[in-house]
C-alpha atoms as a PDB file:
ATOM      1  CA  UNK A   1      -0.873 -23.706  10.464  1.00  0.00           C
ATOM      2  CA  UNK A   2      -0.844 -26.314   6.828  1.00  0.00           C
ATOM      3  CA  UNK A   3      -4.885 -25.267   6.315  1.00  0.00           C
ATOM      4  CA  UNK A   4      -3.973 -21.375   6.472  1.00  0.00           C
ATOM      5  CA  UNK A   5      -0.765 -21.996   4.025  1.00  0.00           C
ATOM      6  CA  UNK A   6      -2.999 -24.161   1.498  1.00  0.00           C
ATOM      7  CA  UNK A   7      -5.588 -21.506   1.346  1.00  0.00           C
ATOM      8  CA  UNK A   8      -3.042 -18.491   0.686  1.00  0.00           C
ATOM      9  CA  UNK A   9      -1.325 -20.449  -1.791  1.00  0.00           C
ATOM     10  CA  UNK A  10      -5.031 -21.338  -3.349  1.00  0.00           C
ATOM     11  CA  UNK A  11      -6.338 -18.115  -3.597  1.00  0.00           C
ATOM     12  CA  UNK A  12      -2.929 -16.224  -2.972  1.00  0.00           C
ATOM     13  CA  UNK A  13      -2.388 -14.799  -6.648  1.00  0.00           C
ATOM     14  CA  UNK A  14      -6.096 -13.457  -6.678  1.00  0.00           C
ATOM     15  CA  UNK A  15      -5.715 -11.815  -3.006  1.00  0.00           C
ATOM     16  CA  UNK A  16      -2.866 -10.517  -4.285  1.00  0.00           C
ATOM     17  CA  UNK A  17      -4.235  -8.903  -7.363  1.00  0.00           C
ATOM     18  CA  UNK A  18      -7.283  -7.726  -5.339  1.00  0.00           C
ATOM     19  CA  UNK A  19      -5.408  -6.033  -2.559  1.00  0.00           C
ATOM     20  CA  UNK A  20      -2.409  -4.848  -4.860  1.00  0.00           C
ATOM     21  CA  UNK A  21      -5.041  -2.465  -6.437  1.00  0.00           C
ATOM     22  CA  UNK A  22      -5.575  -0.772  -3.501  1.00  0.00           C
ATOM     23  CA  UNK A  23      -2.336  -0.467  -2.783  1.00  0.00           C
ATOM     24  CA  UNK A  24      -1.915  -2.825   0.751  1.00  0.00           C
ATOM     25  CA  UNK A  25       1.387  -3.310   1.668  1.00  0.00           C
ATOM     26  CA  UNK A  26       0.944  -5.996   4.519  1.00  0.00           C
ATOM     27  CA  UNK A  27      -0.504  -8.524   1.698  1.00  0.00           C
ATOM     28  CA  UNK A  28       2.702  -7.402  -0.705  1.00  0.00           C
ATOM     29  CA  UNK A  29       4.856  -8.269   2.195  1.00  0.00           C
ATOM     30  CA  UNK A  30       2.585 -11.241   2.745  1.00  0.00           C
ATOM     31  CA  UNK A  31       3.655 -12.567  -0.795  1.00  0.00           C
ATOM     32  CA  UNK A  32       7.295 -12.292   0.065  1.00  0.00           C
ATOM     33  CA  UNK A  33       7.115 -14.105   2.723  1.00  0.00           C
ATOM     34  CA  UNK A  34       4.897 -16.855   0.774  1.00  0.00           C
ATOM     35  CA  UNK A  35       7.475 -16.951  -1.748  1.00  0.00           C
ATOM     36  CA  UNK A  36      10.233 -17.422   0.402  1.00  0.00           C
ATOM     37  CA  UNK A  37       8.496 -20.550   2.021  1.00  0.00           C
ATOM     38  CA  UNK A  38       7.649 -21.747  -1.714  1.00  0.00           C
ATOM     39  CA  UNK A  39       4.138 -21.350  -1.735  1.00  0.00           C
ATOM     40  CA  UNK A  40       3.687 -18.685  -4.518  1.00  0.00           C
ATOM     41  CA  UNK A  41       6.476 -17.664  -7.353  1.00  0.00           C
ATOM     42  CA  UNK A  42       8.573 -14.590  -6.446  1.00  0.00           C
ATOM     43  CA  UNK A  43       8.415 -13.392  -9.946  1.00  0.00           C
ATOM     44  CA  UNK A  44       4.896 -13.971 -10.883  1.00  0.00           C
ATOM     45  CA  UNK A  45       3.738 -11.925  -7.446  1.00  0.00           C
ATOM     46  CA  UNK A  46       5.967  -9.282  -8.545  1.00  0.00           C
ATOM     47  CA  UNK A  47       4.340  -9.002 -11.799  1.00  0.00           C
ATOM     48  CA  UNK A  48       0.628  -9.222 -10.214  1.00  0.00           C
ATOM     49  CA  UNK A  49       1.672  -6.876  -7.698  1.00  0.00           C
ATOM     50  CA  UNK A  50       3.373  -4.526  -9.898  1.00  0.00           C
ATOM     51  CA  UNK A  51       0.480  -4.679 -12.618  1.00  0.00           C
ATOM     52  CA  UNK A  52      -2.730  -3.997 -10.423  1.00  0.00           C
ATOM     53  CA  UNK A  53      -0.821  -1.335  -8.307  1.00  0.00           C
ATOM     54  CA  UNK A  54      -0.192   0.552 -11.234  1.00  0.00           C
ATOM     55  CA  UNK A  55      -4.097   0.127 -12.351  1.00  0.00           C
ATOM     56  CA  UNK A  56      -5.375   0.987  -9.105  1.00  0.00           C
ATOM     57  CA  UNK A  57      -3.449   4.253  -8.813  1.00  0.00           C
ATOM     58  CA  UNK A  58      -4.328   5.125 -12.565  1.00  0.00           C
ATOM     59  CA  UNK A  59      -8.240   4.416 -11.348  1.00  0.00           C
ATOM     60  CA  UNK A  60      -7.862   6.608  -8.830  1.00  0.00           C
ATOM     61  CA  UNK A  61      -6.254   9.261 -10.738  1.00  0.00           C
ATOM     62  CA  UNK A  62      -9.202   9.055 -13.482  1.00  0.00           C
ATOM     63  CA  UNK A  63     -11.981   9.331 -10.975  1.00  0.00           C
ATOM     64  CA  UNK A  64     -10.110  12.211  -9.663  1.00  0.00           C
ATOM     65  CA  UNK A  65     -10.121  13.885 -13.122  1.00  0.00           C
ATOM     66  CA  UNK A  66     -13.225  12.855 -14.872  1.00  0.00           C
ATOM     67  CA  UNK A  67     -15.580  11.978 -11.886  1.00  0.00           C
ATOM     68  CA  UNK A  68     -14.961  14.663  -9.139  1.00  0.00           C
ATOM     69  CA  UNK A  69     -18.597  15.284  -8.660  1.00  0.00           C
ATOM     70  CA  UNK A  70     -19.106  11.998  -8.097  1.00  0.00           C
ATOM     71  CA  UNK A  71     -16.875  11.197  -5.387  1.00  0.00           C
ATOM     72  CA  UNK A  72     -16.486  14.616  -3.612  1.00  0.00           C
ATOM     73  CA  UNK A  73     -18.898  13.158  -1.148  1.00  0.00           C
ATOM     74  CA  UNK A  74     -16.816  10.363   0.186  1.00  0.00           C
ATOM     75  CA  UNK A  75     -14.158  12.852   0.977  1.00  0.00           C
ATOM     76  CA  UNK A  76     -15.908  15.466   2.809  1.00  0.00           C
ATOM     77  CA  UNK A  77     -14.668  13.452   6.513  1.00  0.00           C
ATOM     78  CA  UNK A  78     -11.067  13.778   4.888  1.00  0.00           C
ATOM     79  CA  UNK A  79     -10.467  17.669   3.823  1.00  0.00           C
ATOM     80  CA  UNK A  80      -7.549  17.433   6.156  1.00  0.00           C
ATOM     81  CA  UNK A  81      -5.920  14.455   4.769  1.00  0.00           C
ATOM     82  CA  UNK A  82      -6.414  15.929   1.000  1.00  0.00           C
ATOM     83  CA  UNK A  83      -4.744  19.037   1.920  1.00  0.00           C
ATOM     84  CA  UNK A  84      -1.721  17.100   3.915  1.00  0.00           C
ATOM     85  CA  UNK A  85      -1.851  15.363   0.378  1.00  0.00           C
ATOM     86  CA  UNK A  86      -1.842  18.364  -1.936  1.00  0.00           C
ATOM     87  CA  UNK A  87       1.000  19.792   0.345  1.00  0.00           C
ATOM     88  CA  UNK A  88       3.115  16.715  -0.060  1.00  0.00           C
ATOM     89  CA  UNK A  89       2.232  17.068  -4.031  1.00  0.00           C
ATOM     90  CA  UNK A  90       3.205  20.586  -4.471  1.00  0.00           C
ATOM     91  CA  UNK A  91       6.504  19.962  -2.219  1.00  0.00           C
ATOM     92  CA  UNK A  92       7.854  17.170  -3.367  1.00  0.00           C
ATOM     93  CA  UNK A  93       6.205  17.221  -6.833  1.00  0.00           C
ATOM     94  CA  UNK A  94       6.876  14.122  -8.675  1.00  0.00           C
ATOM     95  CA  UNK A  95       8.239  12.645  -5.745  1.00  0.00           C
ATOM     96  CA  UNK A  96       5.060  12.703  -4.428  1.00  0.00           C
ATOM     97  CA  UNK A  97       4.082   9.614  -6.632  1.00  0.00           C
ATOM     98  CA  UNK A  98       7.214   7.406  -5.128  1.00  0.00           C
ATOM     99  CA  UNK A  99       6.054   8.663  -1.366  1.00  0.00           C
ATOM    100  CA  UNK A 100       2.729   8.263  -1.291  1.00  0.00           C
ATOM    101  CA  UNK A 101       2.800   4.659  -2.128  1.00  0.00           C
ATOM    102  CA  UNK A 102       4.985   3.913   1.245  1.00  0.00           C
ATOM    103  CA  UNK A 103       2.373   6.202   3.384  1.00  0.00           C
ATOM    104  CA  UNK A 104      -0.314   4.290   4.789  1.00  0.00           C
ATOM    105  CA  UNK A 105      -3.447   6.818   5.210  1.00  0.00           C
ATOM    106  CA  UNK A 106      -3.112   9.076   2.048  1.00  0.00           C
ATOM    107  CA  UNK A 107      -2.248   6.817  -0.289  1.00  0.00           C
ATOM    108  CA  UNK A 108      -5.398   6.854  -2.056  1.00  0.00           C
ATOM    109  CA  UNK A 109      -5.387  10.328  -1.832  1.00  0.00           C
ATOM    110  CA  UNK A 110      -2.644  11.737  -3.590  1.00  0.00           C
ATOM    111  CA  UNK A 111      -3.823  10.483  -6.447  1.00  0.00           C
ATOM    112  CA  UNK A 112      -6.919  12.346  -6.416  1.00  0.00           C
ATOM    113  CA  UNK A 113      -5.625  15.404  -5.510  1.00  0.00           C
ATOM    114  CA  UNK A 114      -2.979  15.354  -8.304  1.00  0.00           C
ATOM    115  CA  UNK A 115      -5.757  14.300 -10.331  1.00  0.00           C
ATOM    116  CA  UNK A 116      -7.665  17.699  -9.052  1.00  0.00           C
ATOM    117  CA  UNK A 117      -4.923  19.707  -9.427  1.00  0.00           C
ATOM    118  CA  UNK A 118      -4.984  19.301 -13.136  1.00  0.00           C
ATOM    119  CA  UNK A 119      -1.613  17.136 -13.370  1.00  0.00           C
ATOM    120  CA  UNK A 120      -1.499  15.634 -16.443  1.00  0.00           C
ATOM    121  CA  UNK A 121      -2.650  12.564 -17.033  1.00  0.00           C
ATOM    122  CA  UNK A 122       0.034  10.683 -19.268  1.00  0.00           C
ATOM    123  CA  UNK A 123       2.949  12.320 -16.442  1.00  0.00           C
ATOM    124  CA  UNK A 124       0.771  10.878 -13.826  1.00  0.00           C
ATOM    125  CA  UNK A 125       0.635   7.692 -16.056  1.00  0.00           C
ATOM    126  CA  UNK A 126       4.796   7.656 -16.909  1.00  0.00           C
ATOM    127  CA  UNK A 127       6.183   8.226 -12.880  1.00  0.00           C
ATOM    128  CA  UNK A 128       3.482   5.505 -11.827  1.00  0.00           C
ATOM    129  CA  UNK A 129       4.819   3.208 -14.371  1.00  0.00           C
ATOM    130  CA  UNK A 130       7.788   3.819 -12.338  1.00  0.00           C
ATOM    131  CA  UNK A 131       6.990   4.127  -8.863  1.00  0.00           C
ATOM    132  CA  UNK A 132       4.815   0.630  -8.846  1.00  0.00           C
ATOM    133  CA  UNK A 133       7.732  -1.739  -9.761  1.00  0.00           C
ATOM    134  CA  UNK A 134       9.894  -0.006  -6.901  1.00  0.00           C
ATOM    135  CA  UNK A 135       7.213  -0.282  -4.607  1.00  0.00           C
ATOM    136  CA  UNK A 136       6.244  -3.525  -4.947  1.00  0.00           C
ATOM    137  CA  UNK A 137      10.061  -4.546  -5.486  1.00  0.00           C
ATOM    138  CA  UNK A 138      11.232  -2.602  -2.147  1.00  0.00           C
ATOM    139  CA  UNK A 139       8.078  -4.390  -0.287  1.00  0.00           C
ATOM    140  CA  UNK A 140       8.149  -7.745  -1.403  1.00  0.00           C
ATOM    141  CA  UNK A 141      11.570  -8.233  -1.505  1.00  0.00           C
ATOM    142  CA  UNK A 142      11.710  -6.728   1.786  1.00  0.00           C
ATOM    143  CA  UNK A 143       9.762  -9.633   2.859  1.00  0.00           C
ATOM    144  CA  UNK A 144      11.211 -12.301   0.707  1.00  0.00           C
ATOM    145  CA  UNK A 145      14.962 -12.083   2.187  1.00  0.00           C
ATOM    146  CA  UNK A 146      13.585 -11.756   5.526  1.00  0.00           C
ATOM    147  CA  UNK A 147      11.573 -14.738   5.137  1.00  0.00           C
ATOM    148  CA  UNK A 148      13.313 -16.945   7.624  1.00  0.00           C
ATOM    149  CA  UNK A 149      13.157 -13.879  10.511  1.00  0.00           C
ATOM    150  CA  UNK A 150       9.486 -13.639  10.199  1.00  0.00           C
ATOM    151  CA  UNK A 151       9.029 -17.064   9.845  1.00  0.00           C
ATOM    152  CA  UNK A 152      10.918 -17.709  13.099  1.00  0.00           C
ATOM    153  CA  UNK A 153       9.136 -14.864  14.782  1.00  0.00           C
ATOM    154  CA  UNK A 154       5.327 -16.351  13.674  1.00  0.00           C
ATOM    155  CA  UNK A 155       6.510 -19.754  15.294  1.00  0.00           C
ATOM    156  CA  UNK A 156       7.633 -17.921  18.584  1.00  0.00           C
ATOM    157  CA  UNK A 157       4.383 -16.844  18.767  1.00  0.00           C
ATOM    158  CA  UNK A 158       3.181 -20.443  19.323  1.00  0.00           C
ATOM    159  CA  UNK A 159       4.557 -19.858  22.961  1.00  0.00           C
ATOM    160  CA  UNK A 160       3.317 -16.223  23.573  1.00  0.00           C
ATOM    161  CA  UNK A 161      -0.320 -15.641  21.697  1.00  0.00           C
ATOM    162  CA  UNK A 162      -0.725 -12.560  23.282  1.00  0.00           C
ATOM    163  CA  UNK A 163       2.442 -10.644  21.442  1.00  0.00           C
ATOM    164  CA  UNK A 164       1.002  -9.841  18.171  1.00  0.00           C
ATOM    165  CA  UNK A 165      -2.017  -8.631  19.556  1.00  0.00           C
ATOM    166  CA  UNK A 166       0.019  -6.032  21.769  1.00  0.00           C
ATOM    167  CA  UNK A 167       2.311  -5.071  19.163  1.00  0.00           C
ATOM    168  CA  UNK A 168      -0.647  -4.599  16.724  1.00  0.00           C
ATOM    169  CA  UNK A 169      -2.143  -2.183  18.854  1.00  0.00           C
ATOM    170  CA  UNK A 170       0.808  -0.771  19.776  1.00  0.00           C
ATOM    171  CA  UNK A 171       1.367  -0.280  16.194  1.00  0.00           C
ATOM    172  CA  UNK A 172      -1.586   0.642  15.296  1.00  0.00           C
ATOM    173  CA  UNK A 173      -1.409   3.198  18.602  1.00  0.00           C
ATOM    174  CA  UNK A 174       1.603   5.016  17.376  1.00  0.00           C
ATOM    175  CA  UNK A 175       0.325   5.468  13.571  1.00  0.00           C
ATOM    176  CA  UNK A 176      -2.974   6.735  14.404  1.00  0.00           C
ATOM    177  CA  UNK A 177      -0.984   9.395  17.260  1.00  0.00           C
ATOM    178  CA  UNK A 178       1.684  10.311  14.921  1.00  0.00           C
ATOM    179  CA  UNK A 179      -0.983  11.169  12.144  1.00  0.00           C
ATOM    180  CA  UNK A 180      -2.686  13.313  14.605  1.00  0.00           C
ATOM    181  CA  UNK A 181      -0.047  15.005  15.762  1.00  0.00           C
ATOM    182  CA  UNK A 182       1.647  15.705  12.547  1.00  0.00           C
ATOM    183  CA  UNK A 183      -1.295  16.725  10.907  1.00  0.00           C
ATOM    184  CA  UNK A 184      -2.560  19.548  13.564  1.00  0.00           C
ATOM    185  CA  UNK A 185      -2.601  22.659  12.905  1.00  0.00           C
ATOM    186  CA  UNK A 186       0.353  24.342  14.727  1.00  0.00           C
END
């Protein structure tokens, strides 16, 4: 456990930057817990995660806006998800930029579909500038303030090592089932 913490604190900021670029909830939450434990600095983690989350979404918007033909082959199998993200965008408007950051599975598609629908680049950049710190603050600060509980939970896994796998399997199954159920045509 100590080696893992040493590696995470050594490579933590780099991993946080890399995975925040892709919009990872897990790594942002992990940075909050590591900040609680004193392995990372909370302020620096918030700044890094916010900056790279913003840049990642702007990059996706740029790809959708100016490189449509180049990215089309990668999204042929995800037409249903693109349609869902377009519906979210039309229904919620600007709030879709905020909502998409918390929705695993379509968080990369909403900026692309907004770009494909000819949404204004500057407008997206402005709202993304507000949404990125909100997303990072909610996830990271929640994990930071729940740090003691999360630490206790992980220590209890030493007694019952099969519980995390069961929980993870159940969680992934529930998310998969929910996404399949709610995206089906009725």
